[in-house]
Amino acid sequence: ADEYISVRFSIGGVFVTIDDRFDTARHSLNVITSLKQQMLSRGL
């Protein structure tokens, strides 16, 4: 993260029990990027 963008992660899919573990066939790791307010405010 800096004053312009942020990069973070999210995990998709359902873990059926507390002992379930990440499985590429059922889950996904997503990289999420978003603009920070310094960039978004230029839309004004």
ModelCIF file with pLDDT and N, C-alpha, C, O atoms, coordinates in Angstrom:
data_MODEL
#
_entry.id   MODEL 
#
_entity.id                         1 
_entity.type                       polymer 
_entity.pdbx_number_of_molecules   1 
#
_entity_poly.entity_id                      1 
_entity_poly.type                           'polypeptide(L)' 
_entity_poly.nstd_linkage                   no 
_entity_poly.nstd_monomer                   no 
_entity_poly.pdbx_seq_one_letter_code       ADEYISVRFSIGGVFVTIDDRFDTARHSLNVITSLKQQMLSRGL 
_entity_poly.pdbx_seq_one_letter_code_can   ADEYISVRFSIGGVFVTIDDRFDTARHSLNVITSLKQQMLSRGL 
_entity_poly.pdbx_strand_id                 A 
#
loop_
_entity_poly_seq.entity_id 
_entity_poly_seq.num 
_entity_poly_seq.mon_id 
_entity_poly_seq.hetero 
1 1  ALA n 
1 2  ASP n 
1 3  GLU n 
1 4  TYR n 
1 5  ILE n 
1 6  SER n 
1 7  VAL n 
1 8  ARG n 
1 9  PHE n 
1 10 SER n 
1 11 ILE n 
1 12 GLY n 
1 13 GLY n 
1 14 VAL n 
1 15 PHE n 
1 16 VAL n 
1 17 THR n 
1 18 ILE n 
1 19 ASP n 
1 20 ASP n 
1 21 ARG n 
1 22 PHE n 
1 23 ASP n 
1 24 THR n 
1 25 ALA n 
1 26 ARG n 
1 27 HIS n 
1 28 SER n 
1 29 LEU n 
1 30 ASN n 
1 31 VAL n 
1 32 ILE n 
1 33 THR n 
1 34 SER n 
1 35 LEU n 
1 36 LYS n 
1 37 GLN n 
1 38 GLN n 
1 39 MET n 
1 40 LEU n 
1 41 SER n 
1 42 ARG n 
1 43 GLY n 
1 44 LEU n 
#
_struct_asym.id          A 
_struct_asym.entity_id   1 
#
loop_
_ma_qa_metric.id 
_ma_qa_metric.mode 
_ma_qa_metric.name 
_ma_qa_metric.software_group_id 
_ma_qa_metric.type 
1 global pLDDT . pLDDT 
2 local  pLDDT . pLDDT 
#
_ma_qa_metric_global.metric_id      1 
_ma_qa_metric_global.metric_value   90.11 
_ma_qa_metric_global.model_id       1 
_ma_qa_metric_global.ordinal_id     1 
#
loop_
_ma_qa_metric_local.label_asym_id 
_ma_qa_metric_local.label_comp_id 
_ma_qa_metric_local.label_seq_id 
_ma_qa_metric_local.metric_id 
_ma_qa_metric_local.metric_value 
_ma_qa_metric_local.model_id 
_ma_qa_metric_local.ordinal_id 
A ALA 1  2 96.00 1 1  
A ASP 2  2 95.00 1 2  
A GLU 3  2 95.00 1 3  
A TYR 4  2 94.00 1 4  
A ILE 5  2 93.00 1 5  
A SER 6  2 93.00 1 6  
A VAL 7  2 93.00 1 7  
A ARG 8  2 91.00 1 8  
A PHE 9  2 91.00 1 9  
A SER 10 2 86.00 1 10 
A ILE 11 2 87.00 1 11 
A GLY 12 2 81.00 1 12 
A GLY 13 2 81.00 1 13 
A VAL 14 2 85.00 1 14 
A PHE 15 2 93.00 1 15 
A VAL 16 2 92.00 1 16 
A THR 17 2 95.00 1 17 
A ILE 18 2 96.00 1 18 
A ASP 19 2 96.00 1 19 
A ASP 20 2 96.00 1 20 
A ARG 21 2 96.00 1 21 
A PHE 22 2 95.00 1 22 
A ASP 23 2 93.00 1 23 
A THR 24 2 89.00 1 24 
A ALA 25 2 87.00 1 25 
A ARG 26 2 86.00 1 26 
A HIS 27 2 87.00 1 27 
A SER 28 2 84.00 1 28 
A LEU 29 2 87.00 1 29 
A ASN 30 2 85.00 1 30 
A VAL 31 2 88.00 1 31 
A ILE 32 2 86.00 1 32 
A THR 33 2 87.00 1 33 
A SER 34 2 87.00 1 34 
A LEU 35 2 88.00 1 35 
A LYS 36 2 89.00 1 36 
A GLN 37 2 90.00 1 37 
A GLN 38 2 90.00 1 38 
A MET 39 2 91.00 1 39 
A LEU 40 2 89.00 1 40 
A SER 41 2 91.00 1 41 
A ARG 42 2 91.00 1 42 
A GLY 43 2 90.00 1 43 
A LEU 44 2 90.00 1 44 
#
loop_
_atom_site.group_PDB 
_atom_site.id 
_atom_site.type_symbol 
_atom_site.label_atom_id 
_atom_site.label_alt_id 
_atom_site.label_comp_id 
_atom_site.label_asym_id 
_atom_site.label_entity_id 
_atom_site.label_seq_id 
_atom_site.pdbx_PDB_ins_code 
_atom_site.Cartn_x 
_atom_site.Cartn_y 
_atom_site.Cartn_z 
_atom_site.occupancy 
_atom_site.B_iso_or_equiv 
_atom_site.pdbx_formal_charge 
_atom_site.auth_seq_id 
_atom_site.auth_comp_id 
_atom_site.auth_asym_id 
_atom_site.auth_atom_id 
_atom_site.pdbx_PDB_model_num 
ATOM 1   N N  . ALA A 1 1  ? 0.843   -1.193  0.000   1.00 96.00 ? 1  ALA A N  1 
ATOM 2   C CA . ALA A 1 1  ? 0.000   0.000   0.000   1.00 96.00 ? 1  ALA A CA 1 
ATOM 3   C C  . ALA A 1 1  ? 0.877   1.241   0.000   1.00 96.00 ? 1  ALA A C  1 
ATOM 4   O O  . ALA A 1 1  ? 1.882   1.312   0.706   1.00 96.00 ? 1  ALA A O  1 
ATOM 5   N N  . ASP A 1 2  ? 0.479   2.212   -0.801  1.00 95.00 ? 2  ASP A N  1 
ATOM 6   C CA . ASP A 1 2  ? 1.079   3.542   -0.748  1.00 95.00 ? 2  ASP A CA 1 
ATOM 7   C C  . ASP A 1 2  ? -0.058  4.546   -0.860  1.00 95.00 ? 2  ASP A C  1 
ATOM 8   O O  . ASP A 1 2  ? -1.220  4.182   -0.676  1.00 95.00 ? 2  ASP A O  1 
ATOM 9   N N  . GLU A 1 3  ? 0.256   5.805   -1.160  1.00 95.00 ? 3  GLU A N  1 
ATOM 10  C CA . GLU A 1 3  ? -0.799  6.807   -1.204  1.00 95.00 ? 3  GLU A CA 1 
ATOM 11  C C  . GLU A 1 3  ? -1.656  6.720   -2.455  1.00 95.00 ? 3  GLU A C  1 
ATOM 12  O O  . GLU A 1 3  ? -2.636  7.452   -2.593  1.00 95.00 ? 3  GLU A O  1 
ATOM 13  N N  . TYR A 1 4  ? -1.286  5.816   -3.379  1.00 94.00 ? 4  TYR A N  1 
ATOM 14  C CA . TYR A 1 4  ? -2.019  5.720   -4.642  1.00 94.00 ? 4  TYR A CA 1 
ATOM 15  C C  . TYR A 1 4  ? -2.805  4.423   -4.807  1.00 94.00 ? 4  TYR A C  1 
ATOM 16  O O  . TYR A 1 4  ? -3.935  4.450   -5.295  1.00 94.00 ? 4  TYR A O  1 
ATOM 17  N N  . ILE A 1 5  ? -2.231  3.292   -4.411  1.00 93.00 ? 5  ILE A N  1 
ATOM 18  C CA . ILE A 1 5  ? -2.891  2.007   -4.604  1.00 93.00 ? 5  ILE A CA 1 
ATOM 19  C C  . ILE A 1 5  ? -2.719  1.130   -3.362  1.00 93.00 ? 5  ILE A C  1 
ATOM 20  O O  . ILE A 1 5  ? -1.862  1.381   -2.516  1.00 93.00 ? 5  ILE A O  1 
ATOM 21  N N  . SER A 1 6  ? -3.550  0.106   -3.281  1.00 93.00 ? 6  SER A N  1 
ATOM 22  C CA . SER A 1 6  ? -3.337  -0.937  -2.282  1.00 93.00 ? 6  SER A CA 1 
ATOM 23  C C  . SER A 1 6  ? -3.505  -2.286  -2.956  1.00 93.00 ? 6  SER A C  1 
ATOM 24  O O  . SER A 1 6  ? -4.298  -2.439  -3.885  1.00 93.00 ? 6  SER A O  1 
ATOM 25  N N  . VAL A 1 7  ? -2.748  -3.261  -2.475  1.00 93.00 ? 7  VAL A N  1 
ATOM 26  C CA . VAL A 1 7  ? -2.812  -4.627  -2.990  1.00 93.00 ? 7  VAL A CA 1 
ATOM 27  C C  . VAL A 1 7  ? -3.021  -5.547  -1.802  1.00 93.00 ? 7  VAL A C  1 
ATOM 28  O O  . VAL A 1 7  ? -2.236  -5.529  -0.853  1.00 93.00 ? 7  VAL A O  1 
ATOM 29  N N  . ARG A 1 8  ? -4.074  -6.350  -1.848  1.00 91.00 ? 8  ARG A N  1 
ATOM 30  C CA . ARG A 1 8  ? -4.363  -7.239  -0.739  1.00 91.00 ? 8  ARG A CA 1 
ATOM 31  C C  . ARG A 1 8  ? -4.901  -8.561  -1.284  1.00 91.00 ? 8  ARG A C  1 
ATOM 32  O O  . ARG A 1 8  ? -4.999  -8.748  -2.497  1.00 91.00 ? 8  ARG A O  1 
ATOM 33  N N  . PHE A 1 9  ? -5.245  -9.467  -0.386  1.00 91.00 ? 9  PHE A N  1 
ATOM 34  C CA . PHE A 1 9  ? -5.689  -10.797 -0.791  1.00 91.00 ? 9  PHE A CA 1 
ATOM 35  C C  . PHE A 1 9  ? -7.074  -11.096 -0.218  1.00 91.00 ? 9  PHE A C  1 
ATOM 36  O O  . PHE A 1 9  ? -7.477  -10.544 0.806   1.00 91.00 ? 9  PHE A O  1 
ATOM 37  N N  . SER A 1 10 ? -7.784  -11.981 -0.905  1.00 86.00 ? 10 SER A N  1 
ATOM 38  C CA . SER A 1 10 ? -8.984  -12.585 -0.341  1.00 86.00 ? 10 SER A CA 1 
ATOM 39  C C  . SER A 1 10 ? -8.990  -14.055 -0.743  1.00 86.00 ? 10 SER A C  1 
ATOM 40  O O  . SER A 1 10 ? -8.381  -14.447 -1.739  1.00 86.00 ? 10 SER A O  1 
ATOM 41  N N  . ILE A 1 11 ? -9.689  -14.854 0.051   1.00 87.00 ? 11 ILE A N  1 
ATOM 42  C CA . ILE A 1 11 ? -9.781  -16.288 -0.229  1.00 87.00 ? 11 ILE A CA 1 
ATOM 43  C C  . ILE A 1 11 ? -11.233 -16.629 -0.505  1.00 87.00 ? 11 ILE A C  1 
ATOM 44  O O  . ILE A 1 11 ? -12.118 -16.322 0.294   1.00 87.00 ? 11 ILE A O  1 
ATOM 45  N N  . GLY A 1 12 ? -11.473 -17.270 -1.650  1.00 81.00 ? 12 GLY A N  1 
ATOM 46  C CA . GLY A 1 12 ? -12.820 -17.643 -2.041  1.00 81.00 ? 12 GLY A CA 1 
ATOM 47  C C  . GLY A 1 12 ? -13.082 -19.125 -1.836  1.00 81.00 ? 12 GLY A C  1 
ATOM 48  O O  . GLY A 1 12 ? -12.156 -19.933 -1.768  1.00 81.00 ? 12 GLY A O  1 
ATOM 49  N N  . GLY A 1 13 ? -14.353 -19.463 -1.740  1.00 81.00 ? 13 GLY A N  1 
ATOM 50  C CA . GLY A 1 13 ? -14.742 -20.854 -1.541  1.00 81.00 ? 13 GLY A CA 1 
ATOM 51  C C  . GLY A 1 13 ? -15.186 -21.114 -0.119  1.00 81.00 ? 13 GLY A C  1 
ATOM 52  O O  . GLY A 1 13 ? -14.982 -20.283 0.766   1.00 81.00 ? 13 GLY A O  1 
ATOM 53  N N  . VAL A 1 14 ? -15.789 -22.263 0.100   1.00 85.00 ? 14 VAL A N  1 
ATOM 54  C CA . VAL A 1 14 ? -16.323 -22.632 1.411   1.00 85.00 ? 14 VAL A CA 1 
ATOM 55  C C  . VAL A 1 14 ? -15.467 -23.725 2.032   1.00 85.00 ? 14 VAL A C  1 
ATOM 56  O O  . VAL A 1 14 ? -15.152 -24.721 1.380   1.00 85.00 ? 14 VAL A O  1 
ATOM 57  N N  . PHE A 1 15 ? -15.091 -23.537 3.290   1.00 93.00 ? 15 PHE A N  1 
ATOM 58  C CA . PHE A 1 15 ? -14.392 -24.565 4.070   1.00 93.00 ? 15 PHE A CA 1 
ATOM 59  C C  . PHE A 1 15 ? -15.445 -25.281 4.906   1.00 93.00 ? 15 PHE A C  1 
ATOM 60  O O  . PHE A 1 15 ? -16.061 -24.675 5.782   1.00 93.00 ? 15 PHE A O  1 
ATOM 61  N N  . VAL A 1 16 ? -15.651 -26.551 4.643   1.00 92.00 ? 16 VAL A N  1 
ATOM 62  C CA . VAL A 1 16 ? -16.812 -27.262 5.193   1.00 92.00 ? 16 VAL A CA 1 
ATOM 63  C C  . VAL A 1 16 ? -16.682 -27.570 6.685   1.00 92.00 ? 16 VAL A C  1 
ATOM 64  O O  . VAL A 1 16 ? -17.692 -27.724 7.372   1.00 92.00 ? 16 VAL A O  1 
ATOM 65  N N  . THR A 1 17 ? -15.453 -27.662 7.193   1.00 95.00 ? 17 THR A N  1 
ATOM 66  C CA . THR A 1 17 ? -15.244 -27.870 8.623   1.00 95.00 ? 17 THR A CA 1 
ATOM 67  C C  . THR A 1 17 ? -14.026 -27.071 9.064   1.00 95.00 ? 17 THR A C  1 
ATOM 68  O O  . THR A 1 17 ? -13.301 -26.539 8.224   1.00 95.00 ? 17 THR A O  1 
ATOM 69  N N  . ILE A 1 18 ? -13.794 -26.981 10.364  1.00 96.00 ? 18 ILE A N  1 
ATOM 70  C CA . ILE A 1 18 ? -12.638 -26.261 10.884  1.00 96.00 ? 18 ILE A CA 1 
ATOM 71  C C  . ILE A 1 18 ? -11.339 -26.953 10.494  1.00 96.00 ? 18 ILE A C  1 
ATOM 72  O O  . ILE A 1 18 ? -10.278 -26.329 10.482  1.00 96.00 ? 18 ILE A O  1 
ATOM 73  N N  . ASP A 1 19 ? -11.420 -28.245 10.174  1.00 96.00 ? 19 ASP A N  1 
ATOM 74  C CA . ASP A 1 19 ? -10.228 -29.001 9.781   1.00 96.00 ? 19 ASP A CA 1 
ATOM 75  C C  . ASP A 1 19 ? -10.006 -29.008 8.277   1.00 96.00 ? 19 ASP A C  1 
ATOM 76  O O  . ASP A 1 19 ? -9.001  -29.540 7.805   1.00 96.00 ? 19 ASP A O  1 
ATOM 77  N N  . ASP A 1 20 ? -10.920 -28.429 7.523   1.00 96.00 ? 20 ASP A N  1 
ATOM 78  C CA . ASP A 1 20 ? -10.761 -28.347 6.069   1.00 96.00 ? 20 ASP A CA 1 
ATOM 79  C C  . ASP A 1 20 ? -9.601  -27.416 5.747   1.00 96.00 ? 20 ASP A C  1 
ATOM 80  O O  . ASP A 1 20 ? -9.361  -26.446 6.466   1.00 96.00 ? 20 ASP A O  1 
ATOM 81  N N  . ARG A 1 21 ? -8.885  -27.706 4.675   1.00 96.00 ? 21 ARG A N  1 
ATOM 82  C CA . ARG A 1 21 ? -7.737  -26.892 4.282   1.00 96.00 ? 21 ARG A CA 1 
ATOM 83  C C  . ARG A 1 21 ? -7.871  -26.444 2.831   1.00 96.00 ? 21 ARG A C  1 
ATOM 84  O O  . ARG A 1 21 ? -8.661  -26.992 2.062   1.00 96.00 ? 21 ARG A O  1 
ATOM 85  N N  . PHE A 1 22 ? -7.082  -25.439 2.478   1.00 95.00 ? 22 PHE A N  1 
ATOM 86  C CA . PHE A 1 22 ? -7.155  -24.842 1.147   1.00 95.00 ? 22 PHE A CA 1 
ATOM 87  C C  . PHE A 1 22 ? -6.920  -25.900 0.071   1.00 95.00 ? 22 PHE A C  1 
ATOM 88  O O  . PHE A 1 22 ? -5.936  -26.639 0.105   1.00 95.00 ? 22 PHE A O  1 
ATOM 89  N N  . ASP A 1 23 ? -7.844  -25.952 -0.881  1.00 93.00 ? 23 ASP A N  1 
ATOM 90  C CA . ASP A 1 23 ? -7.794  -26.917 -1.980  1.00 93.00 ? 23 ASP A CA 1 
ATOM 91  C C  . ASP A 1 23 ? -8.045  -26.147 -3.265  1.00 93.00 ? 23 ASP A C  1 
ATOM 92  O O  . ASP A 1 23 ? -9.105  -25.542 -3.428  1.00 93.00 ? 23 ASP A O  1 
ATOM 93  N N  . THR A 1 24 ? -7.085  -26.162 -4.176  1.00 89.00 ? 24 THR A N  1 
ATOM 94  C CA . THR A 1 24 ? -7.206  -25.366 -5.402  1.00 89.00 ? 24 THR A CA 1 
ATOM 95  C C  . THR A 1 24 ? -8.408  -25.770 -6.247  1.00 89.00 ? 24 THR A C  1 
ATOM 96  O O  . THR A 1 24 ? -8.867  -24.993 -7.084  1.00 89.00 ? 24 THR A O  1 
ATOM 97  N N  . ALA A 1 25 ? -8.921  -26.983 -6.035  1.00 87.00 ? 25 ALA A N  1 
ATOM 98  C CA . ALA A 1 25 ? -10.089 -27.422 -6.791  1.00 87.00 ? 25 ALA A CA 1 
ATOM 99  C C  . ALA A 1 25 ? -11.377 -26.783 -6.263  1.00 87.00 ? 25 ALA A C  1 
ATOM 100 O O  . ALA A 1 25 ? -12.364 -26.678 -6.992  1.00 87.00 ? 25 ALA A O  1 
ATOM 101 N N  . ARG A 1 26 ? -11.364 -26.348 -4.972  1.00 86.00 ? 26 ARG A N  1 
ATOM 102 C CA . ARG A 1 26 ? -12.574 -25.806 -4.356  1.00 86.00 ? 26 ARG A CA 1 
ATOM 103 C C  . ARG A 1 26 ? -12.428 -24.367 -3.870  1.00 86.00 ? 26 ARG A C  1 
ATOM 104 O O  . ARG A 1 26 ? -13.420 -23.694 -3.590  1.00 86.00 ? 26 ARG A O  1 
ATOM 105 N N  . HIS A 1 27 ? -11.202 -23.910 -3.774  1.00 87.00 ? 27 HIS A N  1 
ATOM 106 C CA . HIS A 1 27 ? -10.955 -22.579 -3.226  1.00 87.00 ? 27 HIS A CA 1 
ATOM 107 C C  . HIS A 1 27 ? -10.086 -21.776 -4.193  1.00 87.00 ? 27 HIS A C  1 
ATOM 108 O O  . HIS A 1 27 ? -9.473  -22.328 -5.107  1.00 87.00 ? 27 HIS A O  1 
ATOM 109 N N  . SER A 1 28 ? -10.050 -20.491 -3.976  1.00 84.00 ? 28 SER A N  1 
ATOM 110 C CA . SER A 1 28 ? -9.212  -19.627 -4.817  1.00 84.00 ? 28 SER A CA 1 
ATOM 111 C C  . SER A 1 28 ? -8.583  -18.531 -3.964  1.00 84.00 ? 28 SER A C  1 
ATOM 112 O O  . SER A 1 28 ? -9.175  -18.045 -3.001  1.00 84.00 ? 28 SER A O  1 
ATOM 113 N N  . LEU A 1 29 ? -7.381  -18.162 -4.344  1.00 87.00 ? 29 LEU A N  1 
ATOM 114 C CA . LEU A 1 29 ? -6.704  -17.018 -3.726  1.00 87.00 ? 29 LEU A CA 1 
ATOM 115 C C  . LEU A 1 29 ? -6.760  -15.869 -4.723  1.00 87.00 ? 29 LEU A C  1 
ATOM 116 O O  . LEU A 1 29 ? -6.279  -15.990 -5.850  1.00 87.00 ? 29 LEU A O  1 
ATOM 117 N N  . ASN A 1 30 ? -7.345  -14.759 -4.304  1.00 85.00 ? 30 ASN A N  1 
ATOM 118 C CA . ASN A 1 30 ? -7.540  -13.623 -5.201  1.00 85.00 ? 30 ASN A CA 1 
ATOM 119 C C  . ASN A 1 30 ? -6.652  -12.455 -4.798  1.00 85.00 ? 30 ASN A C  1 
ATOM 120 O O  . ASN A 1 30 ? -6.555  -12.108 -3.621  1.00 85.00 ? 30 ASN A O  1 
ATOM 121 N N  . VAL A 1 31 ? -6.013  -11.862 -5.783  1.00 88.00 ? 31 VAL A N  1 
ATOM 122 C CA . VAL A 1 31 ? -5.238  -10.645 -5.568  1.00 88.00 ? 31 VAL A CA 1 
ATOM 123 C C  . VAL A 1 31 ? -6.126  -9.461  -5.933  1.00 88.00 ? 31 VAL A C  1 
ATOM 124 O O  . VAL A 1 31 ? -6.606  -9.365  -7.062  1.00 88.00 ? 31 VAL A O  1 
ATOM 125 N N  . ILE A 1 32 ? -6.343  -8.563  -4.982  1.00 86.00 ? 32 ILE A N  1 
ATOM 126 C CA . ILE A 1 32 ? -7.258  -7.440  -5.172  1.00 86.00 ? 32 ILE A CA 1 
ATOM 127 C C  . ILE A 1 32 ? -6.462  -6.137  -5.144  1.00 86.00 ? 32 ILE A C  1 
ATOM 128 O O  . ILE A 1 32 ? -5.737  -5.861  -4.189  1.00 86.00 ? 32 ILE A O  1 
ATOM 129 N N  . THR A 1 33 ? -6.605  -5.357  -6.182  1.00 87.00 ? 33 THR A N  1 
ATOM 130 C CA . THR A 1 33 ? -5.962  -4.040  -6.227  1.00 87.00 ? 33 THR A CA 1 
ATOM 131 C C  . THR A 1 33 ? -7.042  -2.969  -6.243  1.00 87.00 ? 33 THR A C  1 
ATOM 132 O O  . THR A 1 33 ? -8.095  -3.157  -6.852  1.00 87.00 ? 33 THR A O  1 
ATOM 133 N N  . SER A 1 34 ? -6.792  -1.870  -5.590  1.00 87.00 ? 34 SER A N  1 
ATOM 134 C CA . SER A 1 34 ? -7.751  -0.763  -5.578  1.00 87.00 ? 34 SER A CA 1 
ATOM 135 C C  . SER A 1 34 ? -7.004  0.553   -5.486  1.00 87.00 ? 34 SER A C  1 
ATOM 136 O O  . SER A 1 34 ? -5.913  0.633   -4.921  1.00 87.00 ? 34 SER A O  1 
ATOM 137 N N  . LEU A 1 35 ? -7.614  1.585   -6.054  1.00 88.00 ? 35 LEU A N  1 
ATOM 138 C CA . LEU A 1 35 ? -7.035  2.919   -6.003  1.00 88.00 ? 35 LEU A CA 1 
ATOM 139 C C  . LEU A 1 35 ? -7.330  3.569   -4.661  1.00 88.00 ? 35 LEU A C  1 
ATOM 140 O O  . LEU A 1 35 ? -8.402  3.360   -4.092  1.00 88.00 ? 35 LEU A O  1 
ATOM 141 N N  . LYS A 1 36 ? -6.390  4.355   -4.153  1.00 89.00 ? 36 LYS A N  1 
ATOM 142 C CA . LYS A 1 36 ? -6.588  5.071   -2.897  1.00 89.00 ? 36 LYS A CA 1 
ATOM 143 C C  . LYS A 1 36 ? -7.278  6.412   -3.178  1.00 89.00 ? 36 LYS A C  1 
ATOM 144 O O  . LYS A 1 36 ? -7.447  6.814   -4.330  1.00 89.00 ? 36 LYS A O  1 
ATOM 145 N N  . GLN A 1 37 ? -7.661  7.076   -2.118  1.00 90.00 ? 37 GLN A N  1 
ATOM 146 C CA . GLN A 1 37 ? -8.461  8.287   -2.244  1.00 90.00 ? 37 GLN A CA 1 
ATOM 147 C C  . GLN A 1 37 ? -7.757  9.384   -3.042  1.00 90.00 ? 37 GLN A C  1 
ATOM 148 O O  . GLN A 1 37 ? -8.416  10.174  -3.718  1.00 90.00 ? 37 GLN A O  1 
ATOM 149 N N  . GLN A 1 38 ? -6.439  9.439   -2.972  1.00 90.00 ? 38 GLN A N  1 
ATOM 150 C CA . GLN A 1 38 ? -5.715  10.474  -3.715  1.00 90.00 ? 38 GLN A CA 1 
ATOM 151 C C  . GLN A 1 38 ? -5.959  10.362  -5.214  1.00 90.00 ? 38 GLN A C  1 
ATOM 152 O O  . GLN A 1 38 ? -5.960  11.371  -5.920  1.00 90.00 ? 38 GLN A O  1 
ATOM 153 N N  . MET A 1 39 ? -6.167  9.143   -5.703  1.00 91.00 ? 39 MET A N  1 
ATOM 154 C CA . MET A 1 39 ? -6.479  8.942   -7.119  1.00 91.00 ? 39 MET A CA 1 
ATOM 155 C C  . MET A 1 39 ? -7.976  9.093   -7.370  1.00 91.00 ? 39 MET A C  1 
ATOM 156 O O  . MET A 1 39 ? -8.382  9.749   -8.329  1.00 91.00 ? 39 MET A O  1 
ATOM 157 N N  . LEU A 1 40 ? -8.799  8.486   -6.510  1.00 89.00 ? 40 LEU A N  1 
ATOM 158 C CA . LEU A 1 40 ? -10.246 8.517   -6.717  1.00 89.00 ? 40 LEU A CA 1 
ATOM 159 C C  . LEU A 1 40 ? -10.795 9.943   -6.668  1.00 89.00 ? 40 LEU A C  1 
ATOM 160 O O  . LEU A 1 40 ? -11.739 10.272  -7.386  1.00 89.00 ? 40 LEU A O  1 
ATOM 161 N N  . SER A 1 41 ? -10.208 10.780  -5.826  1.00 91.00 ? 41 SER A N  1 
ATOM 162 C CA . SER A 1 41 ? -10.716 12.143  -5.678  1.00 91.00 ? 41 SER A CA 1 
ATOM 163 C C  . SER A 1 41 ? -10.529 12.974  -6.937  1.00 91.00 ? 41 SER A C  1 
ATOM 164 O O  . SER A 1 41 ? -11.200 13.993  -7.103  1.00 91.00 ? 41 SER A O  1 
ATOM 165 N N  . ARG A 1 42 ? -9.632  12.564  -7.830  1.00 91.00 ? 42 ARG A N  1 
ATOM 166 C CA . ARG A 1 42 ? -9.445  13.329  -9.072  1.00 91.00 ? 42 ARG A CA 1 
ATOM 167 C C  . ARG A 1 42 ? -10.670 13.253  -9.972  1.00 91.00 ? 42 ARG A C  1 
ATOM 168 O O  . ARG A 1 42 ? -10.829 14.060  -10.888 1.00 91.00 ? 42 ARG A O  1 
ATOM 169 N N  . GLY A 1 43 ? -11.526 12.284  -9.708  1.00 90.00 ? 43 GLY A N  1 
ATOM 170 C CA . GLY A 1 43 ? -12.770 12.223  -10.469 1.00 90.00 ? 43 GLY A CA 1 
ATOM 171 C C  . GLY A 1 43 ? -13.640 13.450  -10.263 1.00 90.00 ? 43 GLY A C  1 
ATOM 172 O O  . GLY A 1 43 ? -14.466 13.776  -11.115 1.00 90.00 ? 43 GLY A O  1 
ATOM 173 N N  . LEU A 1 44 ? -13.461 14.134  -9.138  1.00 90.00 ? 44 LEU A N  1 
ATOM 174 C CA . LEU A 1 44 ? -14.222 15.353  -8.883  1.00 90.00 ? 44 LEU A CA 1 
ATOM 175 C C  . LEU A 1 44 ? -13.828 16.478  -9.834  1.00 90.00 ? 44 LEU A C  1 
ATOM 176 O O  . LEU A 1 44 ? -14.378 17.576  -9.751  1.00 90.00 ? 44 LEU A O  1 
#
